[in-house]
Amino acid sequence: MHLNKKSIVFLAAISITQQSVAAETLEQAFSAAVLNNQTIFAAKLNSLVAEQQTSAARGQRLPRVNLQGGYQQLSETPSAKTVVGGQEAEFEMSQAGSANAQAIVSLPVFTSGRISHSIEAAEANALASQYNESTLILNIKLKVANAFIAIFRAQKALEVAQSHVKILKAHTNDVNNLYQQGMVARNDSLAVEVELSNAQQGVLQQENSLQIAQAGFNQLLNRDLTAEVDLQEYLPTLLQGDFSALSEQALIKRTELYALTEQRRALEQQSASVIANLWPQVSVSGGYQYQQNQYQTYEGMWQASAMVQWQVYDGSTSHRSDALISQARAVDLQRQDLIAMITLQVRQAWLATQETQKRIAVTQKAISQAEENLKVNSERYQQGVATHTEVLDAEDLRIRSYDNFNNARYDAVMAQLNLRRAVGVL
C-alpha cells in the first residue's frame, strides 16, 4: 500500500498521541490513589462511623418502643387472708401460672439540653473526621507525587550512568589504540578497564533503584508491585503570590485547622451534655399492659405517665465535665501550634522553590562547560599532551554536572508540590 507524505505525518501524529494517552499523568495517579489506597479506605470508614454516631445521637429524640412478655409459674396460688364474721377466711387473688405482656412507648420531652448538646458534639466529630480524611488524602497525594518524581529521578540517573559507560567505552578504545601504538603505558589500559567495570556496576545499581521506585509507586496505588509503569513527566505551574499571601491562603485552606476546631467544639458540647444531666429531665410514656388473672376485673389496661427526674448532686459529673473542657483547651493549644507550624512549612517550601530555580540555571550552564571540558581533555589525551587521569576527572565532572542538573530540576518540582501541600491546594 502506497502512503503519501501527508498520510505518513498523520499516522505518526496518531502514534504520538496514543503514546501520550497511554502514559499516566500525576493527576491520574492521584485519582487512582484516592480510589485504591487502603489507608484512604480506612479514613473513609472512620468518616462513615462518625456519620452513624451522629445518627445515633439524633435518635435520642425519637420515641422508644419497648415490647415485653412472659409467663410466670408460682409454687403456690397467691391468696389473701381476712376475717369475715369473726372467722378467718382465705381467698385466691390470682392463679399460680399467668402470662403477662406490655407495649410501652416513651419519649423525652425536656432534657435541659443534654440531647441537643450530644447531637452537636456528634456532628462536630463527624466534620472533624471528614477534615481528617481530606488531610490524609492530601498526605497520600504528596507521597504519590514523591514516588512519581522519584521514578523520573531514577530514570535520569540511569541515563547518566549509561552515558558514563558509553563515554568510558569510547575512551577505552582510545587508550587501547594508543597502547598498541606504544604511546601510553599498560597502566592506562588497566585503569580505564577498572573505571569501565565500576561504571557498568553503577548502571546495574541505577536499574535496581528504578525498579524499587516503580514498586514504591505501585504500592501507593495498591497495584501489583511488578506492574509496568509508564508515566508522563510533570512540571507544575508556579503558585502565584509572595510568602505572606501564600501563608494567609494556607491558614484558610488547611483542613487540619478545621479538624482541630471541630474537635474542640465536640469536646465543649460533650462537657455541656454531661452538665445537663444535673438538671431536670422530663419524659412521657404510654402503652398497654396485660396481666393474666381470672380474679381481676380488667386483665388488660391502657396507661399513660409523665416523669420528672432531677439529679441534684453527683460527685463525678463536674469532674467529667472539667476533664472534657481541659481536653478542649489542649486541642486549642495544638491548633495554635499548628498555625505556627503551617507558616513555617510554607516558608520552607517557598524558599526551596526560590533556591531550586536558581540551581537549575547554574547547573544547566555547568553541563555545557563540563561537556566542553571533556572534549578538550579527550583530544589532548589523544595528542599525548594530557594524562589519562585528566580525562577521567573530566568525565566525572560531566556526570556530576548532569546529576546536579537533574536533581535541581526534580527538586524544583518537589519544592512546588511541597509548597502546594503546605498551602493546602495539592
Protein backbone atom coordinates (compact mmCIF):
# COMPACT_ATOMS: atom_id res chain seq x y z
CA MET A 1 0.00 0.00 0.00
CA HIS A 2 1.38 3.38 -1.02
CA LEU A 3 1.34 6.19 1.57
CA ASN A 4 1.90 9.79 0.63
CA LYS A 5 3.79 12.22 2.83
CA LYS A 6 0.65 13.63 4.47
CA SER A 7 -0.56 10.15 5.41
CA ILE A 8 2.78 9.29 7.00
CA VAL A 9 2.73 12.52 9.04
CA PHE A 10 -0.88 11.84 10.08
CA LEU A 11 -0.11 8.28 11.20
CA ALA A 12 2.95 9.49 13.09
CA ALA A 13 0.84 12.08 14.88
CA ILE A 14 -1.69 9.40 15.84
CA SER A 15 1.11 7.21 17.17
CA ILE A 16 2.50 10.06 19.28
CA THR A 17 -0.98 10.87 20.60
CA GLN A 18 -1.62 7.25 21.54
CA GLN A 19 1.68 7.08 23.40
CA SER A 20 0.90 10.27 25.35
CA VAL A 21 -2.56 8.97 26.20
CA ALA A 22 -1.12 5.68 27.43
CA ALA A 23 1.33 7.45 29.74
CA GLU A 24 -0.15 8.07 33.19
CA THR A 25 -0.25 11.65 34.43
CA LEU A 26 0.22 12.75 38.02
CA GLU A 27 -3.45 13.72 38.25
CA GLN A 28 -4.45 10.24 37.09
CA ALA A 29 -2.11 8.77 39.71
CA PHE A 30 -3.78 10.96 42.35
CA SER A 31 -7.22 9.70 41.29
CA ALA A 32 -6.06 6.08 41.34
CA ALA A 33 -4.60 6.51 44.83
CA VAL A 34 -7.82 8.04 46.17
CA LEU A 35 -9.80 5.13 44.73
CA ASN A 36 -7.47 2.29 45.69
CA ASN A 37 -5.24 3.25 48.62
CA GLN A 38 -6.07 1.16 51.70
CA THR A 39 -5.22 3.92 54.18
CA ILE A 40 -7.74 6.20 52.46
CA PHE A 41 -10.30 3.38 52.61
CA ALA A 42 -9.78 3.24 56.37
CA ALA A 43 -10.24 7.02 56.67
CA LYS A 44 -13.49 6.85 54.69
CA LEU A 45 -14.75 4.13 57.02
CA ASN A 46 -13.91 6.33 60.01
CA SER A 47 -15.96 9.13 58.44
CA LEU A 48 -18.82 6.68 57.95
CA VAL A 49 -18.59 5.64 61.61
CA ALA A 50 -18.80 9.30 62.67
CA GLU A 51 -21.90 9.79 60.50
CA GLN A 52 -23.54 6.76 62.11
CA GLN A 53 -22.72 8.13 65.56
CA THR A 54 -24.39 11.39 64.58
CA SER A 55 -27.49 9.49 63.52
CA ALA A 56 -27.41 7.61 66.81
CA ALA A 57 -27.24 10.91 68.75
CA ARG A 58 -30.20 12.29 66.81
CA GLY A 59 -32.09 9.08 67.55
CA GLN A 60 -32.24 10.05 71.23
CA ARG A 61 -35.03 12.46 70.35
CA LEU A 62 -37.19 9.74 68.81
CA PRO A 63 -39.76 7.66 70.72
CA ARG A 64 -38.63 4.39 72.24
CA VAL A 65 -40.90 1.37 71.93
CA ASN A 66 -40.47 -1.42 74.46
CA LEU A 67 -42.25 -4.75 73.99
CA GLN A 68 -42.14 -7.24 76.83
CA GLY A 69 -43.88 -10.52 77.57
CA GLY A 70 -43.52 -13.68 79.62
CA TYR A 71 -45.07 -16.39 81.67
CA GLN A 72 -44.73 -16.90 85.40
CA GLN A 73 -45.38 -20.09 87.37
CA LEU A 74 -45.54 -19.93 91.17
CA SER A 75 -45.25 -22.82 93.62
CA GLU A 76 -48.39 -21.71 95.42
CA THR A 77 -51.51 -19.90 94.35
CA PRO A 78 -51.37 -16.29 95.59
CA SER A 79 -54.12 -15.70 98.17
CA ALA A 80 -55.11 -13.26 100.90
CA LYS A 81 -56.31 -13.76 104.46
CA THR A 82 -59.10 -11.81 106.11
CA VAL A 83 -61.62 -12.07 108.89
CA VAL A 84 -65.27 -12.49 107.97
CA GLY A 85 -67.87 -12.69 110.79
CA GLY A 86 -65.17 -13.28 113.37
CA GLN A 87 -63.77 -16.18 111.35
CA GLU A 88 -60.57 -16.25 109.37
CA ALA A 89 -61.12 -16.59 105.70
CA GLU A 90 -58.76 -17.05 102.74
CA PHE A 91 -59.41 -16.28 99.09
CA GLU A 92 -57.30 -16.57 95.96
CA MET A 93 -56.01 -13.39 94.27
CA SER A 94 -54.64 -14.91 91.05
CA GLN A 95 -53.76 -18.24 89.54
CA ALA A 96 -50.40 -19.90 90.14
CA GLY A 97 -49.44 -19.67 86.47
CA SER A 98 -50.06 -16.48 84.48
CA ALA A 99 -48.94 -14.74 81.30
CA ASN A 100 -48.07 -11.07 81.03
CA ALA A 101 -47.27 -8.64 78.24
CA GLN A 102 -46.81 -4.94 77.72
CA ALA A 103 -46.08 -2.43 74.97
CA ILE A 104 -44.75 0.91 76.22
CA VAL A 105 -43.80 3.99 74.16
CA SER A 106 -41.63 6.60 75.91
CA LEU A 107 -40.49 9.99 74.65
CA PRO A 108 -38.11 12.57 76.16
CA VAL A 109 -39.86 15.94 76.38
CA PHE A 110 -37.26 18.13 78.06
CA THR A 111 -33.64 17.20 78.84
CA SER A 112 -32.11 20.58 79.77
CA GLY A 113 -30.01 20.44 76.58
CA ARG A 114 -28.46 17.02 77.24
CA ILE A 115 -29.61 15.57 73.91
CA SER A 116 -29.09 18.71 71.81
CA HIS A 117 -25.52 19.10 73.11
CA SER A 118 -24.73 15.44 72.43
CA ILE A 119 -26.05 15.84 68.86
CA GLU A 120 -23.89 18.91 68.28
CA ALA A 121 -20.88 17.02 69.66
CA ALA A 122 -21.51 14.12 67.28
CA GLU A 123 -21.93 16.49 64.33
CA ALA A 124 -18.66 18.22 65.22
CA ASN A 125 -16.88 14.87 65.44
CA ALA A 126 -18.30 13.91 62.04
CA LEU A 127 -16.99 17.13 60.50
CA ALA A 128 -13.60 16.60 62.16
CA SER A 129 -13.47 13.10 60.70
CA GLN A 130 -14.21 14.45 57.23
CA TYR A 131 -11.49 17.09 57.56
CA ASN A 132 -9.06 14.41 58.77
CA GLU A 133 -9.98 12.32 55.74
CA SER A 134 -9.23 15.29 53.46
CA THR A 135 -5.91 15.82 55.23
CA LEU A 136 -4.99 12.18 54.80
CA ILE A 137 -5.83 12.32 51.10
CA LEU A 138 -3.51 15.31 50.70
CA ASN A 139 -0.73 13.45 52.55
CA ILE A 140 -1.19 10.36 50.36
CA LYS A 141 -1.19 12.54 47.24
CA LEU A 142 2.10 14.08 48.34
CA LYS A 143 3.54 10.59 48.84
CA VAL A 144 2.32 9.63 45.37
CA ALA A 145 3.95 12.78 43.97
CA ASN A 146 7.23 11.90 45.69
CA ALA A 147 7.09 8.37 44.28
CA PHE A 148 6.09 9.73 40.86
CA ILE A 149 9.04 12.14 40.71
CA ALA A 150 11.38 9.53 42.21
CA ILE A 151 10.80 7.38 39.12
CA PHE A 152 11.88 10.18 36.77
CA ARG A 153 14.83 10.97 39.00
CA ALA A 154 15.88 7.30 38.85
CA GLN A 155 15.35 7.19 35.08
CA LYS A 156 17.57 10.23 34.55
CA ALA A 157 20.20 8.82 36.89
CA LEU A 158 20.14 5.60 34.86
CA GLU A 159 20.54 7.56 31.62
CA VAL A 160 23.53 9.41 33.08
CA ALA A 161 25.06 6.10 34.23
CA GLN A 162 24.53 4.60 30.79
CA SER A 163 26.10 7.63 29.11
CA HIS A 164 29.03 7.27 31.52
CA VAL A 165 29.54 3.69 30.31
CA LYS A 166 29.30 4.85 26.70
CA ILE A 167 31.94 7.55 27.21
CA LEU A 168 34.26 5.16 29.05
CA LYS A 169 33.91 2.55 26.29
CA ALA A 170 34.93 5.15 23.72
CA HIS A 171 37.83 6.23 25.94
CA THR A 172 38.84 2.59 26.43
CA ASN A 173 39.12 2.20 22.66
CA ASP A 174 41.28 5.33 22.50
CA VAL A 175 43.53 4.08 25.30
CA ASN A 176 43.90 0.61 23.74
CA ASN A 177 44.73 2.12 20.35
CA LEU A 178 47.38 4.34 21.88
CA TYR A 179 48.70 1.42 23.94
CA GLN A 180 49.04 -0.74 20.82
CA GLN A 181 50.97 2.11 19.22
CA GLY A 182 53.23 2.21 22.26
CA MET A 183 52.20 5.77 23.09
CA VAL A 184 50.82 5.06 26.57
CA ALA A 185 51.67 2.70 29.38
CA ARG A 186 49.86 -0.54 30.15
CA ASN A 187 48.73 1.09 33.38
CA ASP A 188 46.39 3.42 31.47
CA SER A 189 44.69 0.46 29.79
CA LEU A 190 44.21 -1.35 33.10
CA ALA A 191 42.94 1.76 34.86
CA VAL A 192 40.32 2.51 32.22
CA GLU A 193 39.11 -1.09 32.30
CA VAL A 194 38.59 -0.77 36.06
CA GLU A 195 36.69 2.51 35.59
CA LEU A 196 34.52 0.89 32.93
CA SER A 197 33.70 -2.03 35.23
CA ASN A 198 32.75 0.38 38.01
CA ALA A 199 30.56 2.34 35.62
CA GLN A 200 28.79 -0.83 34.47
CA GLN A 201 28.17 -1.70 38.10
CA GLY A 202 26.69 1.77 38.54
CA VAL A 203 24.25 1.04 35.72
CA LEU A 204 23.11 -2.12 37.49
CA GLN A 205 22.61 -0.18 40.70
CA GLN A 206 20.59 2.52 38.95
CA GLU A 207 18.44 -0.09 37.22
CA ASN A 208 17.70 -1.59 40.63
CA SER A 209 16.91 1.86 42.05
CA LEU A 210 14.47 2.45 39.20
CA GLN A 211 12.68 -0.85 39.86
CA ILE A 212 12.45 -0.02 43.58
CA ALA A 213 11.00 3.41 42.76
CA GLN A 214 8.41 1.84 40.44
CA ALA A 215 7.47 -0.73 43.08
CA GLY A 216 7.01 2.01 45.67
CA PHE A 217 4.74 3.90 43.28
CA ASN A 218 2.65 0.79 42.60
CA GLN A 219 2.31 0.07 46.32
CA LEU A 220 0.80 3.50 46.99
CA LEU A 221 -1.77 2.88 44.25
CA ASN A 222 -2.48 -0.65 45.58
CA ARG A 223 -1.23 -2.29 42.38
CA ASP A 224 0.92 -5.31 41.73
CA LEU A 225 4.46 -4.28 42.65
CA THR A 226 5.76 -5.60 39.32
CA ALA A 227 3.13 -3.81 37.22
CA GLU A 228 4.52 -1.82 34.30
CA VAL A 229 4.85 1.89 34.98
CA ASP A 230 4.55 4.40 32.14
CA LEU A 231 4.39 7.99 33.32
CA GLN A 232 4.07 11.38 31.70
CA GLU A 233 6.58 13.86 33.07
CA TYR A 234 5.04 16.55 35.23
CA LEU A 235 6.12 20.17 35.60
CA PRO A 236 3.80 22.05 37.99
CA THR A 237 2.83 25.65 37.41
CA LEU A 238 4.21 28.13 39.90
CA LEU A 239 1.88 29.28 42.65
CA GLN A 240 1.22 32.99 42.40
CA GLY A 241 1.80 35.23 45.37
CA ASP A 242 4.53 36.13 47.83
CA PHE A 243 5.19 34.40 51.13
CA SER A 244 2.67 36.49 53.09
CA ALA A 245 -0.13 35.85 50.61
CA LEU A 246 0.60 32.13 50.47
CA SER A 247 0.70 31.91 54.27
CA GLU A 248 -2.71 33.57 54.54
CA GLN A 249 -4.07 31.22 51.91
CA ALA A 250 -2.68 28.22 53.82
CA LEU A 251 -4.45 29.27 57.04
CA ILE A 252 -7.71 29.31 55.08
CA LYS A 253 -7.17 26.10 53.11
CA ARG A 254 -5.51 23.72 55.55
CA THR A 255 -8.08 21.15 56.67
CA GLU A 256 -6.03 20.20 59.74
CA LEU A 257 -7.00 23.51 61.34
CA TYR A 258 -10.69 22.92 60.70
CA ALA A 259 -10.42 19.40 62.12
CA LEU A 260 -8.95 20.70 65.38
CA THR A 261 -11.61 23.42 65.56
CA GLU A 262 -14.35 20.79 65.28
CA GLN A 263 -12.63 18.53 67.80
CA ARG A 264 -12.57 21.37 70.31
CA ARG A 265 -16.25 22.13 69.65
CA ALA A 266 -17.14 18.45 70.10
CA LEU A 267 -15.41 18.34 73.49
CA GLU A 268 -17.12 21.53 74.65
CA GLN A 269 -20.53 20.16 73.61
CA GLN A 270 -19.82 16.86 75.36
CA SER A 271 -19.00 18.80 78.52
CA ALA A 272 -22.27 20.73 78.26
CA SER A 273 -24.18 17.47 77.75
CA VAL A 274 -22.62 15.99 80.89
CA ILE A 275 -23.56 19.06 82.95
CA ALA A 276 -27.14 18.91 81.60
CA ASN A 277 -27.55 15.58 83.42
CA LEU A 278 -27.66 17.55 86.68
CA TRP A 279 -30.76 19.47 85.55
CA PRO A 280 -34.37 18.27 85.26
CA GLN A 281 -35.15 15.52 82.75
CA VAL A 282 -38.80 15.22 81.71
CA SER A 283 -40.25 12.30 79.76
CA VAL A 284 -43.69 10.87 79.00
CA SER A 285 -44.70 7.30 78.33
CA GLY A 286 -47.79 5.36 77.48
CA GLY A 287 -48.88 1.94 76.35
CA TYR A 288 -50.86 -1.17 77.02
CA GLN A 289 -50.33 -3.73 79.78
CA TYR A 290 -51.81 -7.20 80.09
CA GLN A 291 -51.65 -9.44 83.17
CA GLN A 292 -53.43 -12.77 83.07
CA ASN A 293 -55.59 -13.02 86.21
CA GLN A 294 -59.03 -14.57 86.28
CA TYR A 295 -59.77 -12.86 89.59
CA GLN A 296 -59.05 -9.41 88.19
CA THR A 297 -61.82 -7.40 86.56
CA TYR A 298 -59.61 -5.91 83.82
CA GLU A 299 -56.66 -8.03 82.75
CA GLY A 300 -55.58 -5.54 80.07
CA MET A 301 -55.31 -1.77 80.64
CA TRP A 302 -54.01 1.30 78.83
CA GLN A 303 -51.71 3.54 80.83
CA ALA A 304 -50.01 6.94 80.47
CA SER A 305 -47.45 8.63 82.71
CA ALA A 306 -45.18 11.65 82.97
CA MET A 307 -41.92 11.56 84.89
CA VAL A 308 -39.59 14.29 86.12
CA GLN A 309 -36.11 13.28 87.22
CA TRP A 310 -33.67 15.73 88.79
CA GLN A 311 -30.30 14.51 89.90
CA VAL A 312 -29.39 17.31 92.23
CA TYR A 313 -25.88 16.15 93.04
CA ASP A 314 -23.42 13.69 91.53
CA GLY A 315 -19.83 13.71 92.74
CA SER A 316 -18.38 12.64 89.38
CA THR A 317 -20.32 14.78 86.88
CA SER A 318 -18.47 18.05 87.43
CA HIS A 319 -15.10 16.28 87.22
CA ARG A 320 -16.04 14.60 83.95
CA SER A 321 -17.16 17.96 82.57
CA ASP A 322 -13.94 19.67 83.69
CA ALA A 323 -11.88 16.91 82.11
CA LEU A 324 -13.60 17.47 78.75
CA ILE A 325 -13.08 21.24 78.98
CA SER A 326 -9.39 20.67 79.71
CA GLN A 327 -9.14 18.44 76.64
CA ALA A 328 -10.81 21.17 74.58
CA ARG A 329 -8.23 23.69 75.78
CA ALA A 330 -5.42 21.27 74.94
CA VAL A 331 -6.80 20.90 71.40
CA ASP A 332 -6.96 24.68 71.09
CA LEU A 333 -3.29 24.94 72.08
CA GLN A 334 -2.45 22.29 69.49
CA ARG A 335 -4.28 24.37 66.91
CA GLN A 336 -2.27 27.47 67.81
CA ASP A 337 0.95 25.49 67.49
CA LEU A 338 -0.22 24.09 64.15
CA ILE A 339 -0.77 27.62 62.82
CA ALA A 340 2.88 28.41 63.54
CA MET A 341 3.95 25.09 62.02
CA ILE A 342 1.94 25.70 58.84
CA THR A 343 3.52 29.14 58.46
CA LEU A 344 6.95 27.54 58.84
CA GLN A 345 6.11 24.85 56.26
CA VAL A 346 5.01 27.48 53.75
CA ARG A 347 8.17 29.48 54.43
CA GLN A 348 10.45 26.46 53.96
CA ALA A 349 8.71 25.34 50.78
CA TRP A 350 8.64 28.86 49.37
CA LEU A 351 12.38 29.31 50.00
CA ALA A 352 13.04 25.91 48.43
CA THR A 353 11.27 26.98 45.24
CA GLN A 354 13.47 30.07 45.03
CA GLU A 355 16.65 28.08 45.68
CA THR A 356 15.93 25.27 43.23
CA GLN A 357 15.06 27.67 40.40
CA LYS A 358 18.48 29.29 40.83
CA ARG A 359 20.17 25.89 40.96
CA ILE A 360 18.61 24.88 37.65
CA ALA A 361 20.13 27.89 35.87
CA VAL A 362 23.57 27.31 37.41
CA THR A 363 23.70 23.53 36.85
CA GLN A 364 22.38 23.82 33.28
CA LYS A 365 25.25 26.14 32.44
CA ALA A 366 27.71 23.73 34.08
CA ILE A 367 26.62 20.92 31.72
CA SER A 368 27.85 22.66 28.58
CA GLN A 369 31.07 23.59 30.34
CA ALA A 370 31.62 20.00 31.50
CA GLU A 371 30.94 18.64 28.01
CA GLU A 372 33.44 21.06 26.52
CA ASN A 373 36.00 20.24 29.23
CA LEU A 374 35.70 16.51 28.48
CA LYS A 375 36.05 17.10 24.76
CA VAL A 376 39.18 19.20 25.22
CA ASN A 377 40.84 16.71 27.59
CA SER A 378 40.00 13.76 25.34
CA GLU A 379 41.58 15.50 22.33
CA ARG A 380 44.63 16.47 24.39
CA TYR A 381 45.00 12.87 25.59
CA GLN A 382 44.83 11.58 22.02
CA GLN A 383 47.56 14.08 21.13
CA GLY A 384 49.65 12.93 24.06
CA VAL A 385 49.58 16.24 25.95
CA ALA A 386 47.13 15.18 28.70
CA THR A 387 47.10 12.33 31.16
CA HIS A 388 44.60 9.52 31.42
CA THR A 389 43.60 10.79 34.88
CA GLU A 390 42.66 14.20 33.47
CA VAL A 391 40.22 12.56 31.05
CA LEU A 392 38.60 10.53 33.83
CA ASP A 393 38.39 13.62 36.05
CA ALA A 394 36.71 15.49 33.21
CA GLU A 395 34.21 12.64 32.76
CA ASP A 396 33.50 12.63 36.49
CA LEU A 397 32.76 16.35 36.28
CA ARG A 398 30.46 15.73 33.32
CA ILE A 399 28.30 13.08 35.00
CA ARG A 400 28.27 15.08 38.22
CA SER A 401 27.02 18.14 36.35
CA TYR A 402 24.22 16.07 34.77
CA ASP A 403 23.29 14.58 38.15
CA ASN A 404 23.30 18.05 39.71
CA PHE A 405 21.07 19.41 36.95
CA ASN A 406 18.62 16.51 37.16
CA ASN A 407 18.47 16.75 40.94
CA ALA A 408 17.97 20.51 40.78
CA ARG A 409 15.20 20.08 38.23
CA TYR A 410 13.28 17.46 40.20
CA ASP A 411 14.00 19.20 43.49
CA ALA A 412 12.29 22.23 41.93
CA VAL A 413 9.29 20.10 41.02
CA MET A 414 9.06 18.67 44.52
CA ALA A 415 9.54 22.13 46.05
CA GLN A 416 6.49 23.31 44.11
CA LEU A 417 4.49 20.25 45.15
CA ASN A 418 5.54 20.69 48.78
CA LEU A 419 4.52 24.34 48.58
CA ARG A 420 1.13 23.32 47.21
CA ARG A 421 0.74 20.81 50.05
CA ALA A 422 1.79 23.43 52.60
CA VAL A 423 -0.82 25.84 51.22
CA GLY A 424 -3.42 23.05 51.06
CA VAL A 425 -4.13 23.08 47.33
CA LEU A 426 -2.32 19.93 46.15
